[in-house]
Amino acid sequence: MMNKLRQKILVLYLSNSALDSTVKGWAVYDGTGREAHTTGDTNIAPYKTGLLALQDGWRAIQFPQLIPPYPGHELDTSFLKYEFIFEKIEEQHD
């Protein structure tokens, strides 16, 4: 029996650019195939902050690019701009 390493991805949208800010949105993708998540499949975030995800073993692999708003559009709403991407590497058993 061979163990294969597979990646799990956690995408957290935080309320601002600080890792200890509140999670506003999320998605989980499980490369091991053990769990099948879809975006919005629960009303409860997997973590309250990005920092708690780090403390649980997730590794941050992308931080949001901080781009100032175009003048005159400071109060416009659009996409969630504080996207952090985390990963875990787990074994997949055959």
Protein backbone atom coordinates (compact mmCIF):
# COMPACT_ATOMS: atom_id res chain seq x y z
CA MET A 1 0.00 0.00 0.00
CA MET A 2 1.47 3.32 -1.09
CA ASN A 3 0.78 6.64 0.61
CA LYS A 4 0.50 9.64 -1.71
CA LEU A 5 0.76 13.25 -0.64
CA ARG A 6 -2.12 15.49 -1.68
CA GLN A 7 -2.77 19.18 -1.26
CA LYS A 8 -5.74 20.74 0.50
CA ILE A 9 -6.47 24.40 -0.23
CA LEU A 10 -8.24 26.84 2.09
CA VAL A 11 -9.24 30.24 0.72
CA LEU A 12 -10.19 32.79 3.38
CA TYR A 13 -11.54 36.27 2.68
CA LEU A 14 -10.79 38.45 5.69
CA SER A 15 -12.27 41.77 6.76
CA ASN A 16 -8.93 43.54 6.19
CA SER A 17 -5.29 42.78 5.33
CA ALA A 18 -4.33 41.55 8.82
CA LEU A 19 -4.21 37.78 9.38
CA ASP A 20 -5.95 38.17 12.73
CA SER A 21 -9.00 39.90 11.21
CA THR A 22 -12.42 38.23 10.92
CA VAL A 23 -13.23 35.73 8.16
CA LYS A 24 -15.97 37.05 5.83
CA GLY A 25 -15.96 34.28 3.20
CA TRP A 26 -14.20 30.97 2.49
CA ALA A 27 -13.79 27.96 0.26
CA VAL A 28 -12.11 24.57 0.84
CA TYR A 29 -10.71 22.25 -1.85
CA ASP A 30 -9.60 18.77 -0.76
CA GLY A 31 -7.10 17.06 -3.04
CA THR A 32 -7.19 13.92 -0.89
CA GLY A 33 -10.78 13.25 -1.93
CA ARG A 34 -11.86 12.56 1.66
CA GLU A 35 -14.07 15.64 1.86
CA ALA A 36 -16.22 17.28 -0.81
CA HIS A 37 -16.80 20.94 -0.04
CA THR A 38 -18.49 23.57 -2.10
CA THR A 39 -18.40 27.29 -1.59
CA GLY A 40 -21.15 28.33 0.78
CA ASP A 41 -21.99 24.81 1.96
CA THR A 42 -22.14 25.99 5.55
CA ASN A 43 -22.87 29.23 7.40
CA ILE A 44 -20.04 28.62 9.84
CA ALA A 45 -16.52 29.58 8.76
CA PRO A 46 -13.86 26.91 9.31
CA TYR A 47 -11.85 29.49 11.31
CA LYS A 48 -12.71 32.85 12.86
CA THR A 49 -9.40 34.38 11.66
CA GLY A 50 -6.56 33.57 9.31
CA LEU A 51 -4.22 33.39 12.29
CA LEU A 52 -6.25 30.51 13.77
CA ALA A 53 -5.84 28.62 10.46
CA LEU A 54 -2.06 29.05 10.76
CA GLN A 55 -2.14 27.82 14.34
CA ASP A 56 -4.04 24.72 13.15
CA GLY A 57 -1.29 23.79 10.69
CA TRP A 58 -2.37 25.52 7.48
CA ARG A 59 0.49 27.19 5.60
CA ALA A 60 -0.09 30.61 4.05
CA ILE A 61 0.92 30.56 0.39
CA GLN A 62 -0.66 33.79 -0.84
CA PHE A 63 -1.48 37.12 0.73
CA PRO A 64 -3.71 39.73 -0.90
CA GLN A 65 -2.20 42.39 -3.07
CA LEU A 66 -2.97 45.73 -1.43
CA ILE A 67 -4.24 48.09 -4.11
CA PRO A 68 -5.60 51.51 -3.18
CA PRO A 69 -9.03 52.40 -4.58
CA TYR A 70 -9.22 54.56 -7.67
CA PRO A 71 -9.96 58.17 -6.65
CA GLY A 72 -13.70 58.71 -6.36
CA HIS A 73 -14.42 54.99 -5.90
CA GLU A 74 -13.39 54.57 -2.28
CA LEU A 75 -16.90 53.51 -1.21
CA ASP A 76 -17.73 51.22 -4.17
CA THR A 77 -18.27 47.56 -3.41
CA SER A 78 -17.20 44.71 -5.63
CA PHE A 79 -15.24 41.53 -4.95
CA LEU A 80 -13.83 40.50 -1.57
CA LYS A 81 -10.34 41.94 -1.76
CA TYR A 82 -8.52 40.43 1.23
CA GLU A 83 -8.04 36.90 -0.13
CA PHE A 84 -5.57 34.65 1.69
CA ILE A 85 -4.76 31.18 0.37
CA PHE A 86 -3.54 28.40 2.68
CA GLU A 87 -2.49 24.82 2.09
CA LYS A 88 -2.01 21.59 3.98
CA ILE A 89 -0.24 18.54 2.63
CA GLU A 90 -1.89 15.30 3.76
CA GLU A 91 -1.47 11.65 2.95
CA GLN A 92 -3.97 9.93 0.69
CA HIS A 93 -4.15 6.20 1.40
CA ASP A 94 -4.77 3.79 -1.48
